Protein backbone atom coordinates (compact mmCIF):
# COMPACT_ATOMS: atom_id res chain seq x y z
CA MET A 1 0.23 11.67 3.03
CA THR A 2 0.42 8.30 1.25
CA PHE A 3 0.08 4.99 3.10
CA ILE A 4 -1.10 1.38 2.82
CA ARG A 5 -4.67 0.65 3.88
CA ARG A 6 -6.13 -2.78 4.59
CA GLN A 7 -9.79 -3.42 3.87
CA GLY A 8 -10.66 -7.00 4.82
CA GLU A 9 -8.06 -9.16 3.08
CA TYR A 10 -7.30 -6.55 0.39
CA PHE A 11 -4.54 -3.91 0.47
CA TYR A 12 -4.48 -0.51 -1.24
CA LEU A 13 -2.01 2.35 -1.56
CA VAL A 14 -4.05 5.45 -0.69
CA LYS A 15 -3.38 9.17 -0.43
CA ASN A 16 -5.20 11.77 1.64
CA GLU A 17 -6.19 14.84 -0.37
CA ARG A 18 -8.03 17.92 0.82
CA GLU A 19 -11.08 19.10 -1.08
CA GLY A 20 -12.23 22.33 0.51
CA ASP A 21 -12.85 21.61 4.20
CA LYS A 22 -12.95 17.82 3.76
CA VAL A 23 -10.16 15.26 3.54
CA ARG A 24 -10.74 12.38 1.11
CA GLN A 25 -8.83 9.14 0.66
CA ILE A 26 -7.94 8.50 -2.97
CA VAL A 27 -6.94 4.97 -3.97
CA LYS A 28 -3.72 5.24 -5.99
CA LEU A 29 -2.93 1.52 -6.43
CA TYR A 30 -4.51 -1.84 -5.63
CA LEU A 31 -1.78 -4.01 -4.06
CA GLY A 32 -3.68 -7.30 -3.93
CA LYS A 33 -4.79 -9.81 -1.34
CA LYS A 34 -2.85 -10.48 1.86
CA THR A 35 -1.01 -13.46 0.37
CA ASP A 36 0.10 -11.37 -2.64
CA VAL A 37 1.29 -8.51 -0.43
CA ASP A 38 3.17 -10.88 1.91
CA LYS A 39 4.97 -12.42 -1.09
CA MET A 40 5.78 -8.98 -2.51
CA PHE A 41 7.35 -7.80 0.77
CA ARG A 42 9.40 -11.01 1.15
CA ASN A 43 10.79 -10.54 -2.38
CA TYR A 44 11.54 -6.89 -1.62
CA GLN A 45 13.35 -7.80 1.61
CA ALA A 46 15.46 -10.41 -0.23
CA LEU A 47 16.35 -7.82 -2.89
CA ILE A 48 17.49 -5.32 -0.24
CA LYS A 49 19.60 -7.96 1.53
CA ARG A 50 21.36 -8.80 -1.74
CA LYS A 51 22.20 -5.13 -2.38
CA THR A 52 23.66 -4.50 1.10
């Protein structure tokens, strides 16, 4: 499963992967600080509104 994880003011796209009996979180992408992520989602929302 892939999801967004917040660690302090930083956001990461992470994926859970099983290694034997253990589940590990693997960081797939650094998304940035909270202000960067907020701006990214606002731009994404505006893009979706224009396409619908």
